[in-house]
């Protein structure tokens, strides 16, 4: 039997007839049958039956919520970038301020070192033609005689209009 070859041919017309019978059988099975019988559904109609109906209000609500979340995320990133830029500017300004304070203290030390009593005396004598005061020109006053007070109110009334008239000399 292994050596035998079959030379039978397949008639394609029979296959086409079989396909037509199967499609008509599918149409018949789609009709309502008695209970207990198996109903076969083609793949195309089962996908349609499994598909849920879409609620347009829910779709719009979810879309709006998605847009709001995306907008908030974008704003957070944008404001965080601005905050970082402002912090960098503050840090730059703080370093500039520190450098300027250091220069100011250096200049103050230079000024203090140059403004000695001898330098001031020499400048006053040479540039301003001033001479030091002699002992005869000095007059000492004494404030230790006691506390002295002066009466401001001469017994006049404390009327506001009177004070204004006195100020203008009327």
C-alpha atoms as a PDB file:
ATOM      1  CA  UNK A   1       0.000   0.000   0.000  1.00  0.00           C
ATOM      2  CA  UNK A   2       2.894   2.240   0.540  1.00  0.00           C
ATOM      3  CA  UNK A   3       3.838   1.965  -3.048  1.00  0.00           C
ATOM      4  CA  UNK A   4       0.378   2.778  -4.323  1.00  0.00           C
ATOM      5  CA  UNK A   5      -0.414   6.243  -5.331  1.00  0.00           C
ATOM      6  CA  UNK A   6      -3.867   7.575  -5.431  1.00  0.00           C
ATOM      7  CA  UNK A   7      -4.766   9.628  -8.392  1.00  0.00           C
ATOM      8  CA  UNK A   8      -8.075  10.966  -7.223  1.00  0.00           C
ATOM      9  CA  UNK A   9      -8.840  14.602  -7.848  1.00  0.00           C
ATOM     10  CA  UNK A  10     -10.832  16.937  -5.697  1.00  0.00           C
ATOM     11  CA  UNK A  11     -13.770  18.566  -7.338  1.00  0.00           C
ATOM     12  CA  UNK A  12     -13.807  22.257  -6.364  1.00  0.00           C
ATOM     13  CA  UNK A  13     -17.452  22.573  -7.260  1.00  0.00           C
ATOM     14  CA  UNK A  14     -18.264  20.254  -4.396  1.00  0.00           C
ATOM     15  CA  UNK A  15     -16.369  22.509  -1.951  1.00  0.00           C
ATOM     16  CA  UNK A  16     -18.251  25.572  -3.145  1.00  0.00           C
ATOM     17  CA  UNK A  17     -21.537  23.772  -2.713  1.00  0.00           C
ATOM     18  CA  UNK A  18     -20.452  22.758   0.803  1.00  0.00           C
ATOM     19  CA  UNK A  19     -19.671  26.431   1.665  1.00  0.00           C
ATOM     20  CA  UNK A  20     -23.098  27.485   0.390  1.00  0.00           C
ATOM     21  CA  UNK A  21     -24.782  24.837   2.520  1.00  0.00           C
ATOM     22  CA  UNK A  22     -22.826  25.992   5.592  1.00  0.00           C
ATOM     23  CA  UNK A  23     -23.779  29.633   5.108  1.00  0.00           C
ATOM     24  CA  UNK A  24     -27.454  28.727   4.684  1.00  0.00           C
ATOM     25  CA  UNK A  25     -27.174  26.580   7.814  1.00  0.00           C
ATOM     26  CA  UNK A  26     -25.778  29.590   9.700  1.00  0.00           C
ATOM     27  CA  UNK A  27     -28.776  31.641   8.593  1.00  0.00           C
ATOM     28  CA  UNK A  28     -31.149  28.951   9.781  1.00  0.00           C
ATOM     29  CA  UNK A  29     -29.450  28.684  13.177  1.00  0.00           C
ATOM     30  CA  UNK A  30     -29.830  32.386  13.699  1.00  0.00           C
ATOM     31  CA  UNK A  31     -33.575  31.951  13.773  1.00  0.00           C
ATOM     32  CA  UNK A  32     -35.186  31.179  17.095  1.00  0.00           C
ATOM     33  CA  UNK A  33     -35.149  27.475  17.915  1.00  0.00           C
ATOM     34  CA  UNK A  34     -36.710  25.420  20.622  1.00  0.00           C
ATOM     35  CA  UNK A  35     -35.030  25.398  24.011  1.00  0.00           C
ATOM     36  CA  UNK A  36     -32.304  22.861  24.497  1.00  0.00           C
ATOM     37  CA  UNK A  37     -30.865  23.286  21.030  1.00  0.00           C
ATOM     38  CA  UNK A  38     -27.450  24.837  20.447  1.00  0.00           C
ATOM     39  CA  UNK A  39     -27.396  28.154  18.622  1.00  0.00           C
ATOM     40  CA  UNK A  40     -24.220  29.137  16.820  1.00  0.00           C
ATOM     41  CA  UNK A  41     -23.422  32.776  16.214  1.00  0.00           C
ATOM     42  CA  UNK A  42     -20.917  33.938  13.668  1.00  0.00           C
ATOM     43  CA  UNK A  43     -17.869  35.856  14.911  1.00  0.00           C
ATOM     44  CA  UNK A  44     -18.941  39.206  13.453  1.00  0.00           C
ATOM     45  CA  UNK A  45     -22.251  39.301  15.256  1.00  0.00           C
ATOM     46  CA  UNK A  46     -20.723  38.195  18.587  1.00  0.00           C
ATOM     47  CA  UNK A  47     -18.294  41.161  18.554  1.00  0.00           C
ATOM     48  CA  UNK A  48     -21.211  43.497  18.023  1.00  0.00           C
ATOM     49  CA  UNK A  49     -23.179  41.997  20.872  1.00  0.00           C
ATOM     50  CA  UNK A  50     -20.212  42.189  23.279  1.00  0.00           C
ATOM     51  CA  UNK A  51     -19.569  45.866  22.511  1.00  0.00           C
ATOM     52  CA  UNK A  52     -20.863  48.190  25.215  1.00  0.00           C
ATOM     53  CA  UNK A  53     -22.946  51.174  24.415  1.00  0.00           C
ATOM     54  CA  UNK A  54     -21.034  54.407  25.011  1.00  0.00           C
ATOM     55  CA  UNK A  55     -22.550  57.094  27.207  1.00  0.00           C
ATOM     56  CA  UNK A  56     -21.758  60.515  25.639  1.00  0.00           C
ATOM     57  CA  UNK A  57     -22.046  62.344  28.985  1.00  0.00           C
ATOM     58  CA  UNK A  58     -19.502  59.992  30.539  1.00  0.00           C
ATOM     59  CA  UNK A  59     -17.163  60.401  27.562  1.00  0.00           C
ATOM     60  CA  UNK A  60     -17.332  64.207  27.830  1.00  0.00           C
ATOM     61  CA  UNK A  61     -16.833  64.085  31.614  1.00  0.00           C
ATOM     62  CA  UNK A  62     -13.793  61.820  31.367  1.00  0.00           C
ATOM     63  CA  UNK A  63     -12.360  63.961  28.554  1.00  0.00           C
ATOM     64  CA  UNK A  64     -12.779  67.157  30.588  1.00  0.00           C
ATOM     65  CA  UNK A  65     -11.235  65.584  33.677  1.00  0.00           C
ATOM     66  CA  UNK A  66      -8.303  64.373  31.591  1.00  0.00           C
ATOM     67  CA  UNK A  67      -7.815  67.878  30.170  1.00  0.00           C
ATOM     68  CA  UNK A  68      -7.961  69.408  33.651  1.00  0.00           C
ATOM     69  CA  UNK A  69      -5.398  66.955  35.029  1.00  0.00           C
ATOM     70  CA  UNK A  70      -3.125  67.581  32.035  1.00  0.00           C
ATOM     71  CA  UNK A  71      -3.458  71.362  32.445  1.00  0.00           C
ATOM     72  CA  UNK A  72      -2.640  71.164  36.159  1.00  0.00           C
ATOM     73  CA  UNK A  73       0.400  69.006  35.431  1.00  0.00           C
ATOM     74  CA  UNK A  74       1.625  71.445  32.777  1.00  0.00           C
ATOM     75  CA  UNK A  75       1.091  74.406  35.109  1.00  0.00           C
ATOM     76  CA  UNK A  76       2.990  72.674  37.908  1.00  0.00           C
ATOM     77  CA  UNK A  77       5.952  72.073  35.622  1.00  0.00           C
ATOM     78  CA  UNK A  78       5.820  75.659  34.327  1.00  0.00           C
ATOM     79  CA  UNK A  79       5.615  77.228  37.788  1.00  0.00           C
ATOM     80  CA  UNK A  80       8.359  74.966  39.084  1.00  0.00           C
ATOM     81  CA  UNK A  81      10.615  76.128  36.240  1.00  0.00           C
ATOM     82  CA  UNK A  82       9.822  79.783  37.040  1.00  0.00           C
ATOM     83  CA  UNK A  83      10.526  79.166  40.718  1.00  0.00           C
ATOM     84  CA  UNK A  84      13.906  77.653  39.870  1.00  0.00           C
ATOM     85  CA  UNK A  85      14.794  80.665  37.696  1.00  0.00           C
ATOM     86  CA  UNK A  86      13.824  83.092  40.462  1.00  0.00           C
ATOM     87  CA  UNK A  87      15.870  81.121  43.002  1.00  0.00           C
ATOM     88  CA  UNK A  88      18.876  81.284  40.690  1.00  0.00           C
ATOM     89  CA  UNK A  89      18.438  85.070  40.375  1.00  0.00           C
ATOM     90  CA  UNK A  90      18.192  85.397  44.161  1.00  0.00           C
ATOM     91  CA  UNK A  91      21.348  83.336  44.626  1.00  0.00           C
ATOM     92  CA  UNK A  92      23.186  85.458  42.040  1.00  0.00           C
ATOM     93  CA  UNK A  93      22.043  88.673  43.749  1.00  0.00           C
ATOM     94  CA  UNK A  94      23.076  87.341  47.170  1.00  0.00           C
ATOM     95  CA  UNK A  95      26.582  86.597  45.877  1.00  0.00           C
ATOM     96  CA  UNK A  96      26.809  90.085  44.324  1.00  0.00           C
ATOM     97  CA  UNK A  97      25.609  91.616  47.607  1.00  0.00           C
ATOM     98  CA  UNK A  98      28.199  89.658  49.582  1.00  0.00           C
ATOM     99  CA  UNK A  99      30.964  90.812  47.230  1.00  0.00           C
ATOM    100  CA  UNK A 100      29.818  94.440  47.530  1.00  0.00           C
ATOM    101  CA  UNK A 101      29.745  94.228  51.331  1.00  0.00           C
ATOM    102  CA  UNK A 102      33.283  92.860  51.305  1.00  0.00           C
ATOM    103  CA  UNK A 103      34.416  95.743  49.078  1.00  0.00           C
ATOM    104  CA  UNK A 104      32.653  98.223  51.354  1.00  0.00           C
ATOM    105  CA  UNK A 105      34.438  96.879  54.414  1.00  0.00           C
ATOM    106  CA  UNK A 106      37.769  97.027  52.546  1.00  0.00           C
ATOM    107  CA  UNK A 107      37.122 100.652  51.556  1.00  0.00           C
ATOM    108  CA  UNK A 108      36.081 101.516  55.115  1.00  0.00           C
ATOM    109  CA  UNK A 109      39.314 100.026  56.451  1.00  0.00           C
ATOM    110  CA  UNK A 110      41.278 102.063  53.893  1.00  0.00           C
ATOM    111  CA  UNK A 111      39.454 105.242  54.874  1.00  0.00           C
ATOM    112  CA  UNK A 112      39.902 104.576  58.585  1.00  0.00           C
ATOM    113  CA  UNK A 113      43.616 103.957  58.124  1.00  0.00           C
ATOM    114  CA  UNK A 114      44.057 107.243  56.261  1.00  0.00           C
ATOM    115  CA  UNK A 115      41.985 109.378  58.634  1.00  0.00           C
ATOM    116  CA  UNK A 116      44.313 109.499  61.593  1.00  0.00           C
ATOM    117  CA  UNK A 117      44.603 112.561  63.834  1.00  0.00           C
ATOM    118  CA  UNK A 118      47.909 113.532  62.242  1.00  0.00           C
ATOM    119  CA  UNK A 119      46.432 113.261  58.745  1.00  0.00           C
ATOM    120  CA  UNK A 120      43.458 115.468  59.693  1.00  0.00           C
ATOM    121  CA  UNK A 121      45.702 118.041  61.417  1.00  0.00           C
ATOM    122  CA  UNK A 122      48.071 118.131  58.444  1.00  0.00           C
ATOM    123  CA  UNK A 123      45.179 118.471  55.972  1.00  0.00           C
ATOM    124  CA  UNK A 124      43.608 121.290  58.006  1.00  0.00           C
ATOM    125  CA  UNK A 125      46.883 123.226  58.222  1.00  0.00           C
ATOM    126  CA  UNK A 126      47.968 122.771  54.599  1.00  0.00           C
ATOM    127  CA  UNK A 127      44.772 122.774  52.585  1.00  0.00           C
ATOM    128  CA  UNK A 128      42.388 124.798  54.763  1.00  0.00           C
ATOM    129  CA  UNK A 129      44.967 127.203  56.315  1.00  0.00           C
ATOM    130  CA  UNK A 130      43.812 126.438  59.841  1.00  0.00           C
ATOM    131  CA  UNK A 131      45.940 126.570  62.963  1.00  0.00           C
ATOM    132  CA  UNK A 132      45.481 124.674  66.204  1.00  0.00           C
ATOM    133  CA  UNK A 133      43.730 126.549  69.011  1.00  0.00           C
ATOM    134  CA  UNK A 134      45.941 128.021  71.734  1.00  0.00           C
ATOM    135  CA  UNK A 135      45.186 127.735  75.426  1.00  0.00           C
ATOM    136  CA  UNK A 136      44.092 131.375  75.580  1.00  0.00           C
ATOM    137  CA  UNK A 137      41.454 130.699  72.972  1.00  0.00           C
ATOM    138  CA  UNK A 138      40.000 127.778  74.876  1.00  0.00           C
ATOM    139  CA  UNK A 139      37.163 128.447  77.275  1.00  0.00           C
ATOM    140  CA  UNK A 140      35.966 125.744  79.580  1.00  0.00           C
ATOM    141  CA  UNK A 141      32.413 125.688  80.813  1.00  0.00           C
ATOM    142  CA  UNK A 142      30.999 123.830  83.736  1.00  0.00           C
ATOM    143  CA  UNK A 143      27.637 122.103  83.573  1.00  0.00           C
ATOM    144  CA  UNK A 144      27.777 120.513  86.981  1.00  0.00           C
ATOM    145  CA  UNK A 145      26.137 123.418  88.872  1.00  0.00           C
ATOM    146  CA  UNK A 146      22.972 121.400  89.023  1.00  0.00           C
ATOM    147  CA  UNK A 147      20.041 120.526  86.914  1.00  0.00           C
ATOM    148  CA  UNK A 148      18.283 123.499  85.472  1.00  0.00           C
ATOM    149  CA  UNK A 149      14.860 123.522  83.947  1.00  0.00           C
ATOM    150  CA  UNK A 150      12.976 126.098  81.953  1.00  0.00           C
ATOM    151  CA  UNK A 151       9.252 126.718  82.196  1.00  0.00           C
ATOM    152  CA  UNK A 152       7.662 126.534  78.785  1.00  0.00           C
ATOM    153  CA  UNK A 153       4.084 127.426  79.715  1.00  0.00           C
ATOM    154  CA  UNK A 154       3.715 130.925  81.186  1.00  0.00           C
ATOM    155  CA  UNK A 155       0.426 130.124  82.831  1.00  0.00           C
ATOM    156  CA  UNK A 156      -1.577 130.667  79.714  1.00  0.00           C
ATOM    157  CA  UNK A 157      -4.415 128.309  78.968  1.00  0.00           C
ATOM    158  CA  UNK A 158      -3.794 125.172  76.952  1.00  0.00           C
ATOM    159  CA  UNK A 159      -6.392 126.138  74.374  1.00  0.00           C
ATOM    160  CA  UNK A 160      -5.397 124.965  70.903  1.00  0.00           C
ATOM    161  CA  UNK A 161      -6.624 128.159  69.274  1.00  0.00           C
ATOM    162  CA  UNK A 162      -4.539 130.237  71.655  1.00  0.00           C
ATOM    163  CA  UNK A 163      -1.462 128.191  70.772  1.00  0.00           C
ATOM    164  CA  UNK A 164      -2.090 128.783  67.058  1.00  0.00           C
ATOM    165  CA  UNK A 165      -2.550 132.542  67.608  1.00  0.00           C
ATOM    166  CA  UNK A 166       0.648 132.674  69.630  1.00  0.00           C
ATOM    167  CA  UNK A 167       2.513 130.795  66.889  1.00  0.00           C
ATOM    168  CA  UNK A 168       1.429 133.322  64.259  1.00  0.00           C
ATOM    169  CA  UNK A 169       1.987 136.276  66.599  1.00  0.00           C
ATOM    170  CA  UNK A 170      -1.593 137.522  66.688  1.00  0.00           C
END
